[in-house]
Every structure is written in structure tokens, then in C-alpha cells.
Amino acid sequence: MAKRAIEDVEMEVSSGNVFADLGLPDADKLKIKSGLVIEITRAVRRLGLTQEEAGRRMGISQPKVSAMMRGDFSNLSERKLMTCLSRLGYDIEIKVKPAAEPVGHLRLALA
């Protein structure tokens, strides 16, 4: 990460992925999962669903909804999170293309 100083305060410029900045393994995967969870949380609130109603609609238990909305999504796969979003009225599109570099990247784009 690049460092820069503003008003004599040294800061590190983010790579755009806080999980990578923290040195966590599977940072790309964590960024995608967290983005999906944020969108699920927004949808549940926008639809005015209780956690129990949201769980029924998404096909998961209320305790899993509660944990997810508190930021614990380790027990849910990317696929399950995408299924949850589709059950909340979202279209999911996966785009695959050749990478410009030898190793590709995972990326989530929310409209």
C-alpha cells in the first residue's frame, strides 16, 4: 500500500479491498461476500421484512439472518448469498472474461 501524509498525518492509501489491506486470506472472496451481504441487508430493510420473514423468503433460518445482518456471514457461501438476493427480487449476472494479467480477479458490481 502507498503511504502519504496530509497535514503531517501519515496515512496508508487503501487498495480498494480492506480485507487485502488487512492481509486476510481469500480477500477477494470476502469482499464479494460482504458486498452481497450489504445488498441483502439493504433489501430486507427496504422491503420492511422482519428477520423471520426475510429468512422464510431467502430459505435460511432467522438466526442465520440475524448473524448475517451483524456481519457474520462465514457460514454462508457466495452461491447461497446470491440465491438470497434473487429471492429478494434481484437479478444476478455473472460475467467471465479473459484477464489482462496472468491471474484474474473476482469483482462485484452492484447497480
PDB file of N, CA and C in Angstrom:
ATOM      1  N   MET A   1       0.835  -1.183   0.000  1.00  0.00           N
ATOM      2  CA  MET A   1       0.000   0.000   0.000  1.00  0.00           C
ATOM      3  C   MET A   1       0.878   1.244   0.000  1.00  0.00           C
ATOM      4  N   ALA A   2       0.443   2.232  -0.721  1.00  0.00           N
ATOM      5  CA  ALA A   2       1.149   3.507  -0.768  1.00  0.00           C
ATOM      6  C   ALA A   2       0.840   4.304   0.499  1.00  0.00           C
ATOM      7  N   LYS A   3       1.832   5.051   0.918  1.00  0.00           N
ATOM      8  CA  LYS A   3       1.630   5.911   2.090  1.00  0.00           C
ATOM      9  C   LYS A   3       1.716   7.359   1.638  1.00  0.00           C
ATOM     10  N   ARG A   4       0.945   8.196   2.305  1.00  0.00           N
ATOM     11  CA  ARG A   4       1.031   9.626   2.038  1.00  0.00           C
ATOM     12  C   ARG A   4       0.711  10.378   3.320  1.00  0.00           C
ATOM     13  N   ALA A   5       1.154  11.632   3.356  1.00  0.00           N
ATOM     14  CA  ALA A   5       0.931  12.454   4.547  1.00  0.00           C
ATOM     15  C   ALA A   5       0.033  13.627   4.193  1.00  0.00           C
ATOM     16  N   ILE A   6      -0.936  13.869   5.044  1.00  0.00           N
ATOM     17  CA  ILE A   6      -1.810  15.023   4.920  1.00  0.00           C
ATOM     18  C   ILE A   6      -1.763  15.735   6.258  1.00  0.00           C
ATOM     19  N   GLU A   7      -1.366  16.995   6.211  1.00  0.00           N
ATOM     20  CA  GLU A   7      -1.225  17.797   7.430  1.00  0.00           C
ATOM     21  C   GLU A   7      -0.417  17.048   8.483  1.00  0.00           C
ATOM     22  N   ASP A   8       0.729  16.502   8.061  1.00  0.00           N
ATOM     23  CA  ASP A   8       1.678  15.797   8.920  1.00  0.00           C
ATOM     24  C   ASP A   8       1.119  14.519   9.539  1.00  0.00           C
ATOM     25  N   VAL A   9       0.007  14.005   9.021  1.00  0.00           N
ATOM     26  CA  VAL A   9      -0.536  12.734   9.492  1.00  0.00           C
ATOM     27  C   VAL A   9      -0.301  11.720   8.383  1.00  0.00           C
ATOM     28  N   GLU A  10       0.474  10.684   8.700  1.00  0.00           N
ATOM     29  CA  GLU A  10       0.766   9.663   7.702  1.00  0.00           C
ATOM     30  C   GLU A  10      -0.399   8.694   7.591  1.00  0.00           C
ATOM     31  N   MET A  11      -0.818   8.439   6.348  1.00  0.00           N
ATOM     32  CA  MET A  11      -1.923   7.524   6.106  1.00  0.00           C
ATOM     33  C   MET A  11      -1.519   6.526   5.038  1.00  0.00           C
ATOM     34  N   GLU A  12      -2.126   5.367   5.079  1.00  0.00           N
ATOM     35  CA  GLU A  12      -1.936   4.384   4.029  1.00  0.00           C
ATOM     36  C   GLU A  12      -3.134   4.440   3.100  1.00  0.00           C
ATOM     37  N   VAL A  13      -2.869   4.464   1.811  1.00  0.00           N
ATOM     38  CA  VAL A  13      -3.925   4.502   0.811  1.00  0.00           C
ATOM     39  C   VAL A  13      -4.423   3.073   0.608  1.00  0.00           C
ATOM     40  N   SER A  14      -5.729   2.904   0.658  1.00  0.00           N
ATOM     41  CA  SER A  14      -6.324   1.584   0.524  1.00  0.00           C
ATOM     42  C   SER A  14      -6.169   1.046  -0.883  1.00  0.00           C
ATOM     43  N   SER A  15      -6.090  -0.255  -0.973  1.00  0.00           N
ATOM     44  CA  SER A  15      -6.054  -0.921  -2.276  1.00  0.00           C
ATOM     45  C   SER A  15      -7.456  -0.991  -2.883  1.00  0.00           C
ATOM     46  N   GLY A  16      -8.465  -0.651  -2.085  1.00  0.00           N
ATOM     47  CA  GLY A  16      -9.853  -0.807  -2.505  1.00  0.00           C
ATOM     48  C   GLY A  16     -10.484  -2.060  -1.929  1.00  0.00           C
ATOM     49  N   ASN A  17      -9.685  -2.866  -1.259  1.00  0.00           N
ATOM     50  CA  ASN A  17     -10.178  -4.081  -0.606  1.00  0.00           C
ATOM     51  C   ASN A  17      -9.620  -4.113   0.808  1.00  0.00           C
ATOM     52  N   VAL A  18     -10.442  -3.755   1.770  1.00  0.00           N
ATOM     53  CA  VAL A  18      -9.998  -3.686   3.164  1.00  0.00           C
ATOM     54  C   VAL A  18      -9.491  -5.044   3.657  1.00  0.00           C
ATOM     55  N   PHE A  19     -10.068  -6.125   3.143  1.00  0.00           N
ATOM     56  CA  PHE A  19      -9.636  -7.455   3.569  1.00  0.00           C
ATOM     57  C   PHE A  19      -8.208  -7.738   3.099  1.00  0.00           C
ATOM     58  N   ALA A  20      -7.870  -7.311   1.885  1.00  0.00           N
ATOM     59  CA  ALA A  20      -6.500  -7.457   1.383  1.00  0.00           C
ATOM     60  C   ALA A  20      -5.560  -6.545   2.163  1.00  0.00           C
ATOM     61  N   ASP A  21      -6.019  -5.325   2.464  1.00  0.00           N
ATOM     62  CA  ASP A  21      -5.198  -4.386   3.223  1.00  0.00           C
ATOM     63  C   ASP A  21      -4.842  -4.951   4.593  1.00  0.00           C
ATOM     64  N   LEU A  22      -5.750  -5.739   5.159  1.00  0.00           N
ATOM     65  CA  LEU A  22      -5.503  -6.356   6.464  1.00  0.00           C
ATOM     66  C   LEU A  22      -4.712  -7.656   6.352  1.00  0.00           C
ATOM     67  N   GLY A  23      -4.433  -8.077   5.121  1.00  0.00           N
ATOM     68  CA  GLY A  23      -3.647  -9.288   4.916  1.00  0.00           C
ATOM     69  C   GLY A  23      -4.424 -10.581   5.135  1.00  0.00           C
ATOM     70  N   LEU A  24      -5.747 -10.522   5.015  1.00  0.00           N
ATOM     71  CA  LEU A  24      -6.559 -11.716   5.242  1.00  0.00           C
ATOM     72  C   LEU A  24      -6.526 -12.634   4.024  1.00  0.00           C
ATOM     73  N   PRO A  25      -6.526 -13.948   4.260  1.00  0.00           N
ATOM     74  CA  PRO A  25      -6.585 -14.872   3.129  1.00  0.00           C
ATOM     75  C   PRO A  25      -7.955 -14.783   2.447  1.00  0.00           C
ATOM     76  N   ASP A  26      -7.993 -15.104   1.166  1.00  0.00           N
ATOM     77  CA  ASP A  26      -9.242 -15.061   0.379  1.00  0.00           C
ATOM     78  C   ASP A  26      -9.894 -13.685   0.413  1.00  0.00           C
ATOM     79  N   ALA A  27      -9.083 -12.633   0.315  1.00  0.00           N
ATOM     80  CA  ALA A  27      -9.591 -11.261   0.415  1.00  0.00           C
ATOM     81  C   ALA A  27     -10.611 -10.946  -0.672  1.00  0.00           C
ATOM     82  N   ASP A  28     -10.377 -11.405  -1.901  1.00  0.00           N
ATOM     83  CA  ASP A  28     -11.337 -11.140  -2.984  1.00  0.00           C
ATOM     84  C   ASP A  28     -12.683 -11.771  -2.668  1.00  0.00           C
ATOM     85  N   LYS A  29     -12.658 -12.991  -2.167  1.00  0.00           N
ATOM     86  CA  LYS A  29     -13.889 -13.711  -1.826  1.00  0.00           C
ATOM     87  C   LYS A  29     -14.627 -12.994  -0.686  1.00  0.00           C
ATOM     88  N   LEU A  30     -13.891 -12.544   0.318  1.00  0.00           N
ATOM     89  CA  LEU A  30     -14.511 -11.828   1.439  1.00  0.00           C
ATOM     90  C   LEU A  30     -15.137 -10.515   0.991  1.00  0.00           C
ATOM     91  N   LYS A  31     -14.488  -9.826   0.061  1.00  0.00           N
ATOM     92  CA  LYS A  31     -15.032  -8.561  -0.440  1.00  0.00           C
ATOM     93  C   LYS A  31     -16.348  -8.803  -1.170  1.00  0.00           C
ATOM     94  N   ILE A  32     -16.389  -9.851  -1.984  1.00  0.00           N
ATOM     95  CA  ILE A  32     -17.620 -10.174  -2.710  1.00  0.00           C
ATOM     96  C   ILE A  32     -18.729 -10.556  -1.731  1.00  0.00           C
ATOM     97  N   LYS A  33     -18.418 -11.446  -0.788  1.00  0.00           N
ATOM     98  CA  LYS A  33     -19.434 -11.873   0.172  1.00  0.00           C
ATOM     99  C   LYS A  33     -19.956 -10.690   0.980  1.00  0.00           C
ATOM    100  N   SER A  34     -19.063  -9.807   1.415  1.00  0.00           N
ATOM    101  CA  SER A  34     -19.519  -8.668   2.215  1.00  0.00           C
ATOM    102  C   SER A  34     -20.391  -7.735   1.376  1.00  0.00           C
ATOM    103  N   GLY A  35     -20.068  -7.560   0.099  1.00  0.00           N
ATOM    104  CA  GLY A  35     -20.901  -6.741  -0.774  1.00  0.00           C
ATOM    105  C   GLY A  35     -22.290  -7.332  -0.955  1.00  0.00           C
ATOM    106  N   LEU A  36     -22.360  -8.649  -1.104  1.00  0.00           N
ATOM    107  CA  LEU A  36     -23.659  -9.319  -1.224  1.00  0.00           C
ATOM    108  C   LEU A  36     -24.471  -9.160   0.057  1.00  0.00           C
ATOM    109  N   VAL A  37     -23.806  -9.309   1.199  1.00  0.00           N
ATOM    110  CA  VAL A  37     -24.494  -9.169   2.492  1.00  0.00           C
ATOM    111  C   VAL A  37     -25.004  -7.746   2.683  1.00  0.00           C
ATOM    112  N   ILE A  38     -24.221  -6.764   2.300  1.00  0.00           N
ATOM    113  CA  ILE A  38     -24.672  -5.368   2.405  1.00  0.00           C
ATOM    114  C   ILE A  38     -25.925  -5.164   1.569  1.00  0.00           C
ATOM    115  N   GLU A  39     -25.936  -5.706   0.370  1.00  0.00           N
ATOM    116  CA  GLU A  39     -27.106  -5.541  -0.508  1.00  0.00           C
ATOM    117  C   GLU A  39     -28.313  -6.300   0.042  1.00  0.00           C
ATOM    118  N   ILE A  40     -28.097  -7.471   0.615  1.00  0.00           N
ATOM    119  CA  ILE A  40     -29.193  -8.232   1.241  1.00  0.00           C
ATOM    120  C   ILE A  40     -29.784  -7.424   2.388  1.00  0.00           C
ATOM    121  N   THR A  41     -28.931  -6.859   3.212  1.00  0.00           N
ATOM    122  CA  THR A  41     -29.389  -6.059   4.351  1.00  0.00           C
ATOM    123  C   THR A  41     -30.215  -4.865   3.873  1.00  0.00           C
ATOM    124  N   ARG A  42     -29.741  -4.196   2.828  1.00  0.00           N
ATOM    125  CA  ARG A  42     -30.496  -3.069   2.259  1.00  0.00           C
ATOM    126  C   ARG A  42     -31.865  -3.523   1.772  1.00  0.00           C
ATOM    127  N   ALA A  43     -31.892  -4.670   1.081  1.00  0.00           N
ATOM    128  CA  ALA A  43     -33.153  -5.180   0.534  1.00  0.00           C
ATOM    129  C   ALA A  43     -34.133  -5.526   1.647  1.00  0.00           C
ATOM    130  N   VAL A  44     -33.664  -6.190   2.689  1.00  0.00           N
ATOM    131  CA  VAL A  44     -34.529  -6.568   3.807  1.00  0.00           C
ATOM    132  C   VAL A  44     -35.126  -5.318   4.438  1.00  0.00           C
ATOM    133  N   ARG A  45     -34.312  -4.298   4.629  1.00  0.00           N
ATOM    134  CA  ARG A  45     -34.810  -3.042   5.223  1.00  0.00           C
ATOM    135  C   ARG A  45     -35.773  -2.324   4.285  1.00  0.00           C
ATOM    136  N   ARG A  46     -35.415  -2.266   2.992  1.00  0.00           N
ATOM    137  CA  ARG A  46     -36.268  -1.586   2.007  1.00  0.00           C
ATOM    138  C   ARG A  46     -37.628  -2.264   1.904  1.00  0.00           C
ATOM    139  N   LEU A  47     -37.645  -3.598   1.982  1.00  0.00           N
ATOM    140  CA  LEU A  47     -38.901  -4.345   1.897  1.00  0.00           C
ATOM    141  C   LEU A  47     -39.667  -4.361   3.219  1.00  0.00           C
ATOM    142  N   GLY A  48     -39.037  -3.876   4.291  1.00  0.00           N
ATOM    143  CA  GLY A  48     -39.687  -3.833   5.602  1.00  0.00           C
ATOM    144  C   GLY A  48     -39.937  -5.210   6.188  1.00  0.00           C
ATOM    145  N   LEU A  49     -39.045  -6.156   5.907  1.00  0.00           N
ATOM    146  CA  LEU A  49     -39.223  -7.522   6.393  1.00  0.00           C
ATOM    147  C   LEU A  49     -38.634  -7.691   7.791  1.00  0.00           C
ATOM    148  N   THR A  50     -39.296  -8.498   8.599  1.00  0.00           N
ATOM    149  CA  THR A  50     -38.676  -8.919   9.853  1.00  0.00           C
ATOM    150  C   THR A  50     -37.613  -9.948   9.502  1.00  0.00           C
ATOM    151  N   GLN A  51     -36.750 -10.263  10.442  1.00  0.00           N
ATOM    152  CA  GLN A  51     -35.738 -11.283  10.194  1.00  0.00           C
ATOM    153  C   GLN A  51     -36.387 -12.637   9.910  1.00  0.00           C
ATOM    154  N   GLU A  52     -37.466 -12.924  10.580  1.00  0.00           N
ATOM    155  CA  GLU A  52     -38.164 -14.191  10.347  1.00  0.00           C
ATOM    156  C   GLU A  52     -38.751 -14.226   8.937  1.00  0.00           C
ATOM    157  N   GLU A  53     -39.397 -13.133   8.523  1.00  0.00           N
ATOM    158  CA  GLU A  53     -39.959 -13.062   7.171  1.00  0.00           C
ATOM    159  C   GLU A  53     -38.856 -13.150   6.116  1.00  0.00           C
ATOM    160  N   ALA A  54     -37.760 -12.443   6.360  1.00  0.00           N
ATOM    161  CA  ALA A  54     -36.638 -12.467   5.427  1.00  0.00           C
ATOM    162  C   ALA A  54     -36.060 -13.874   5.312  1.00  0.00           C
ATOM    163  N   GLY A  55     -35.927 -14.540   6.439  1.00  0.00           N
ATOM    164  CA  GLY A  55     -35.404 -15.903   6.440  1.00  0.00           C
ATOM    165  C   GLY A  55     -36.272 -16.849   5.635  1.00  0.00           C
ATOM    166  N   ARG A  56     -37.583 -16.761   5.837  1.00  0.00           N
ATOM    167  CA  ARG A  56     -38.507 -17.614   5.072  1.00  0.00           C
ATOM    168  C   ARG A  56     -38.370 -17.343   3.576  1.00  0.00           C
ATOM    169  N   ARG A  57     -38.315 -16.076   3.236  1.00  0.00           N
ATOM    170  CA  ARG A  57     -38.226 -15.699   1.821  1.00  0.00           C
ATOM    171  C   ARG A  57     -36.896 -16.141   1.200  1.00  0.00           C
ATOM    172  N   MET A  58     -35.816 -16.045   1.974  1.00  0.00           N
ATOM    173  CA  MET A  58     -34.490 -16.394   1.454  1.00  0.00           C
ATOM    174  C   MET A  58     -34.156 -17.875   1.597  1.00  0.00           C
ATOM    175  N   GLY A  59     -34.934 -18.591   2.403  1.00  0.00           N
ATOM    176  CA  GLY A  59     -34.671 -20.011   2.605  1.00  0.00           C
ATOM    177  C   GLY A  59     -33.589 -20.309   3.628  1.00  0.00           C
ATOM    178  N   ILE A  60     -33.427 -19.390   4.587  1.00  0.00           N
ATOM    179  CA  ILE A  60     -32.481 -19.610   5.680  1.00  0.00           C
ATOM    180  C   ILE A  60     -33.179 -19.329   7.000  1.00  0.00           C
ATOM    181  N   SER A  61     -32.586 -19.786   8.094  1.00  0.00           N
ATOM    182  CA  SER A  61     -33.205 -19.611   9.406  1.00  0.00           C
ATOM    183  C   SER A  61     -33.070 -18.162   9.891  1.00  0.00           C
ATOM    184  N   GLN A  62     -33.957 -17.773  10.801  1.00  0.00           N
ATOM    185  CA  GLN A  62     -33.892 -16.424  11.385  1.00  0.00           C
ATOM    186  C   GLN A  62     -32.563 -16.190  12.088  1.00  0.00           C
ATOM    187  N   PRO A  63     -32.015 -17.175  12.838  1.00  0.00           N
ATOM    188  CA  PRO A  63     -30.703 -16.931  13.453  1.00  0.00           C
ATOM    189  C   PRO A  63     -29.601 -16.653  12.428  1.00  0.00           C
ATOM    190  N   LYS A  64     -29.672 -17.298  11.250  1.00  0.00           N
ATOM    191  CA  LYS A  64     -28.675 -17.018  10.213  1.00  0.00           C
ATOM    192  C   LYS A  64     -28.865 -15.617   9.638  1.00  0.00           C
ATOM    193  N   VAL A  65     -30.118 -15.178   9.512  1.00  0.00           N
ATOM    194  CA  VAL A  65     -30.388 -13.812   9.058  1.00  0.00           C
ATOM    195  C   VAL A  65     -29.805 -12.832  10.067  1.00  0.00           C
ATOM    196  N   SER A  66     -30.056 -13.073  11.342  1.00  0.00           N
ATOM    197  CA  SER A  66     -29.550 -12.198  12.399  1.00  0.00           C
ATOM    198  C   SER A  66     -28.029 -12.126  12.362  1.00  0.00           C
ATOM    199  N   ALA A  67     -27.383 -13.277  12.265  1.00  0.00           N
ATOM    200  CA  ALA A  67     -25.919 -13.303  12.227  1.00  0.00           C
ATOM    201  C   ALA A  67     -25.395 -12.559  11.003  1.00  0.00           C
ATOM    202  N   MET A  68     -26.023 -12.798   9.854  1.00  0.00           N
ATOM    203  CA  MET A  68     -25.602 -12.148   8.618  1.00  0.00           C
ATOM    204  C   MET A  68     -25.714 -10.630   8.740  1.00  0.00           C
ATOM    205  N   MET A  69     -26.815 -10.159   9.287  1.00  0.00           N
ATOM    206  CA  MET A  69     -27.025  -8.717   9.394  1.00  0.00           C
ATOM    207  C   MET A  69     -26.101  -8.072  10.436  1.00  0.00           C
ATOM    208  N   ARG A  70     -25.491  -8.894  11.275  1.00  0.00           N
ATOM    209  CA  ARG A  70     -24.489  -8.406  12.232  1.00  0.00           C
ATOM    210  C   ARG A  70     -23.075  -8.549  11.671  1.00  0.00           C
ATOM    211  N   GLY A  71     -22.959  -9.065  10.434  1.00  0.00           N
ATOM    212  CA  GLY A  71     -21.647  -9.167   9.804  1.00  0.00           C
ATOM    213  C   GLY A  71     -21.010 -10.533   9.868  1.00  0.00           C
ATOM    214  N   ASP A  72     -21.693 -11.519  10.429  1.00  0.00           N
ATOM    215  CA  ASP A  72     -21.156 -12.885  10.479  1.00  0.00           C
ATOM    216  C   ASP A  72     -21.785 -13.676   9.337  1.00  0.00           C
ATOM    217  N   PHE A  73     -21.060 -13.767   8.231  1.00  0.00           N
ATOM    218  CA  PHE A  73     -21.568 -14.491   7.068  1.00  0.00           C
ATOM    219  C   PHE A  73     -20.646 -15.642   6.691  1.00  0.00           C
ATOM    220  N   SER A  74     -19.821 -16.059   7.634  1.00  0.00           N
ATOM    221  CA  SER A  74     -18.846 -17.121   7.364  1.00  0.00           C
ATOM    222  C   SER A  74     -19.510 -18.462   7.052  1.00  0.00           C
ATOM    223  N   ASN A  75     -20.735 -18.657   7.538  1.00  0.00           N
ATOM    224  CA  ASN A  75     -21.422 -19.939   7.327  1.00  0.00           C
ATOM    225  C   ASN A  75     -22.276 -19.946   6.061  1.00  0.00           C
ATOM    226  N   LEU A  76     -22.173 -18.896   5.240  1.00  0.00           N
ATOM    227  CA  LEU A  76     -22.958 -18.811   4.014  1.00  0.00           C
ATOM    228  C   LEU A  76     -22.021 -18.673   2.815  1.00  0.00           C
ATOM    229  N   SER A  77     -22.242 -19.488   1.788  1.00  0.00           N
ATOM    230  CA  SER A  77     -21.417 -19.437   0.581  1.00  0.00           C
ATOM    231  C   SER A  77     -21.847 -18.272  -0.307  1.00  0.00           C
ATOM    232  N   GLU A  78     -20.985 -17.933  -1.269  1.00  0.00           N
ATOM    233  CA  GLU A  78     -21.352 -16.903  -2.236  1.00  0.00           C
ATOM    234  C   GLU A  78     -22.613 -17.320  -2.983  1.00  0.00           C
ATOM    235  N   ARG A  79     -22.688 -18.596  -3.334  1.00  0.00           N
ATOM    236  CA  ARG A  79     -23.855 -19.102  -4.064  1.00  0.00           C
ATOM    237  C   ARG A  79     -25.130 -18.912  -3.245  1.00  0.00           C
ATOM    238  N   LYS A  80     -25.087 -19.233  -1.949  1.00  0.00           N
ATOM    239  CA  LYS A  80     -26.268 -19.079  -1.102  1.00  0.00           C
ATOM    240  C   LYS A  80     -26.649 -17.607  -0.986  1.00  0.00           C
ATOM    241  N   LEU A  81     -25.668 -16.727  -0.864  1.00  0.00           N
ATOM    242  CA  LEU A  81     -25.950 -15.293  -0.770  1.00  0.00           C
ATOM    243  C   LEU A  81     -26.592 -14.783  -2.055  1.00  0.00           C
ATOM    244  N   MET A  82     -26.133 -15.282  -3.207  1.00  0.00           N
ATOM    245  CA  MET A  82     -26.749 -14.890  -4.479  1.00  0.00           C
ATOM    246  C   MET A  82     -28.178 -15.409  -4.566  1.00  0.00           C
ATOM    247  N   THR A  83     -28.419 -16.618  -4.063  1.00  0.00           N
ATOM    248  CA  THR A  83     -29.779 -17.160  -4.032  1.00  0.00           C
ATOM    249  C   THR A  83     -30.668 -16.293  -3.146  1.00  0.00           C
ATOM    250  N   CYS A  84     -30.145 -15.871  -1.996  1.00  0.00           N
ATOM    251  CA  CYS A  84     -30.901 -14.989  -1.107  1.00  0.00           C
ATOM    252  C   CYS A  84     -31.295 -13.705  -1.830  1.00  0.00           C
ATOM    253  N   LEU A  85     -30.355 -13.104  -2.534  1.00  0.00           N
ATOM    254  CA  LEU A  85     -30.648 -11.869  -3.262  1.00  0.00           C
ATOM    255  C   LEU A  85     -31.698 -12.087  -4.341  1.00  0.00           C
ATOM    256  N   SER A  86     -31.604 -13.197  -5.066  1.00  0.00           N
ATOM    257  CA  SER A  86     -32.601 -13.438  -6.116  1.00  0.00           C
ATOM    258  C   SER A  86     -33.980 -13.628  -5.514  1.00  0.00           C
ATOM    259  N   ARG A  87     -34.052 -14.253  -4.335  1.00  0.00           N
ATOM    260  CA  ARG A  87     -35.341 -14.431  -3.665  1.00  0.00           C
ATOM    261  C   ARG A  87     -35.888 -13.131  -3.088  1.00  0.00           C
ATOM    262  N   LEU A  88     -35.019 -12.120  -3.017  1.00  0.00           N
ATOM    263  CA  LEU A  88     -35.452 -10.786  -2.560  1.00  0.00           C
ATOM    264  C   LEU A  88     -35.738  -9.863  -3.741  1.00  0.00           C
ATOM    265  N   GLY A  89     -35.732 -10.419  -4.952  1.00  0.00           N
ATOM    266  CA  GLY A  89     -36.111  -9.634  -6.120  1.00  0.00           C
ATOM    267  C   GLY A  89     -34.964  -9.075  -6.933  1.00  0.00           C
ATOM    268  N   TYR A  90     -33.788  -9.637  -6.827  1.00  0.00           N
ATOM    269  CA  TYR A  90     -32.635  -9.170  -7.584  1.00  0.00           C
ATOM    270  C   TYR A  90     -32.309 -10.147  -8.711  1.00  0.00           C
ATOM    271  N   ASP A  91     -31.844  -9.610  -9.836  1.00  0.00           N
ATOM    272  CA  ASP A  91     -31.265 -10.420 -10.897  1.00  0.00           C
ATOM    273  C   ASP A  91     -29.773 -10.527 -10.622  1.00  0.00           C
ATOM    274  N   ILE A  92     -29.224 -11.705 -10.821  1.00  0.00           N
ATOM    275  CA  ILE A  92     -27.793 -11.941 -10.628  1.00  0.00           C
ATOM    276  C   ILE A  92     -27.198 -12.244 -11.996  1.00  0.00           C
ATOM    277  N   GLU A  93     -26.131 -11.556 -12.345  1.00  0.00           N
ATOM    278  CA  GLU A  93     -25.449 -11.779 -13.618  1.00  0.00           C
ATOM    279  C   GLU A  93     -23.977 -12.027 -13.338  1.00  0.00           C
ATOM    280  N   ILE A  94     -23.440 -13.112 -13.868  1.00  0.00           N
ATOM    281  CA  ILE A  94     -22.027 -13.432 -13.701  1.00  0.00           C
ATOM    282  C   ILE A  94     -21.356 -13.267 -15.061  1.00  0.00           C
ATOM    283  N   LYS A  95     -20.312 -12.475 -15.097  1.00  0.00           N
ATOM    284  CA  LYS A  95     -19.603 -12.190 -16.343  1.00  0.00           C
ATOM    285  C   LYS A  95     -18.189 -12.749 -16.231  1.00  0.00           C
ATOM    286  N   VAL A  96     -17.803 -13.562 -17.193  1.00  0.00           N
ATOM    287  CA  VAL A  96     -16.465 -14.159 -17.212  1.00  0.00           C
ATOM    288  C   VAL A  96     -15.764 -13.695 -18.475  1.00  0.00           C
ATOM    289  N   LYS A  97     -14.526 -13.209 -18.331  1.00  0.00           N
ATOM    290  CA  LYS A  97     -13.753 -12.760 -19.481  1.00  0.00           C
ATOM    291  C   LYS A  97     -12.279 -13.013 -19.212  1.00  0.00           C
ATOM    292  N   PRO A  98     -11.482 -13.093 -20.267  1.00  0.00           N
ATOM    293  CA  PRO A  98     -10.041 -13.293 -20.070  1.00  0.00           C
ATOM    294  C   PRO A  98      -9.432 -12.133 -19.287  1.00  0.00           C
ATOM    295  N   ALA A  99      -8.490 -12.452 -18.411  1.00  0.00           N
ATOM    296  CA  ALA A  99      -7.827 -11.428 -17.598  1.00  0.00           C
ATOM    297  C   ALA A  99      -6.672 -10.804 -18.366  1.00  0.00           C
ATOM    298  N   ALA A 100      -6.362  -9.563 -18.036  1.00  0.00           N
ATOM    299  CA  ALA A 100      -5.235  -8.867 -18.647  1.00  0.00           C
ATOM    300  C   ALA A 100      -3.909  -9.316 -18.021  1.00  0.00           C
ATOM    301  N   GLU A 101      -3.993  -9.914 -16.842  1.00  0.00           N
ATOM    302  CA  GLU A 101      -2.809 -10.369 -16.121  1.00  0.00           C
ATOM    303  C   GLU A 101      -2.846 -11.890 -16.017  1.00  0.00           C
ATOM    304  N   PRO A 102      -1.728 -12.517 -15.646  1.00  0.00           N
ATOM    305  CA  PRO A 102      -1.694 -13.989 -15.574  1.00  0.00           C
ATOM    306  C   PRO A 102      -2.727 -14.577 -14.593  1.00  0.00           C
ATOM    307  N   VAL A 103      -3.047 -13.845 -13.544  1.00  0.00           N
ATOM    308  CA  VAL A 103      -4.048 -14.302 -12.571  1.00  0.00           C
ATOM    309  C   VAL A 103      -5.191 -13.294 -12.567  1.00  0.00           C
ATOM    310  N   GLY A 104      -6.402 -13.788 -12.724  1.00  0.00           N
ATOM    311  CA  GLY A 104      -7.573 -12.920 -12.745  1.00  0.00           C
ATOM    312  C   GLY A 104      -8.019 -12.499 -11.355  1.00  0.00           C
ATOM    313  N   HIS A 105      -9.037 -11.657 -11.314  1.00  0.00           N
ATOM    314  CA  HIS A 105      -9.569 -11.147 -10.047  1.00  0.00           C
ATOM    315  C   HIS A 105     -11.072 -11.382  -9.984  1.00  0.00           C
ATOM    316  N   LEU A 106     -11.574 -11.536  -8.780  1.00  0.00           N
ATOM    317  CA  LEU A 106     -13.013 -11.585  -8.544  1.00  0.00           C
ATOM    318  C   LEU A 106     -13.468 -10.166  -8.262  1.00  0.00           C
ATOM    319  N   ARG A 107     -14.630  -9.790  -8.818  1.00  0.00           N
ATOM    320  CA  ARG A 107     -15.115  -8.439  -8.614  1.00  0.00           C
ATOM    321  C   ARG A 107     -16.640  -8.464  -8.547  1.00  0.00           C
ATOM    322  N   LEU A 108     -17.185  -7.625  -7.714  1.00  0.00           N
ATOM    323  CA  LEU A 108     -18.632  -7.499  -7.566  1.00  0.00           C
ATOM    324  C   LEU A 108     -19.039  -6.095  -7.995  1.00  0.00           C
ATOM    325  N   ALA A 109     -19.989  -6.016  -8.918  1.00  0.00           N
ATOM    326  CA  ALA A 109     -20.504  -4.725  -9.366  1.00  0.00           C
ATOM    327  C   ALA A 109     -21.985  -4.677  -9.045  1.00  0.00           C
ATOM    328  N   LEU A 110     -22.380  -3.741  -8.209  1.00  0.00           N
ATOM    329  CA  LEU A 110     -23.788  -3.578  -7.846  1.00  0.00           C
ATOM    330  C   LEU A 110     -24.350  -2.379  -8.591  1.00  0.00           C
ATOM    331  N   ALA A 111     -25.514  -2.567  -9.183  1.00  0.00           N
ATOM    332  CA  ALA A 111     -26.143  -1.472  -9.929  1.00  0.00           C
ATOM    333  C   ALA A 111     -26.964  -0.606  -9.026  1.00  0.00           C
TER     334      ALA A 111
END
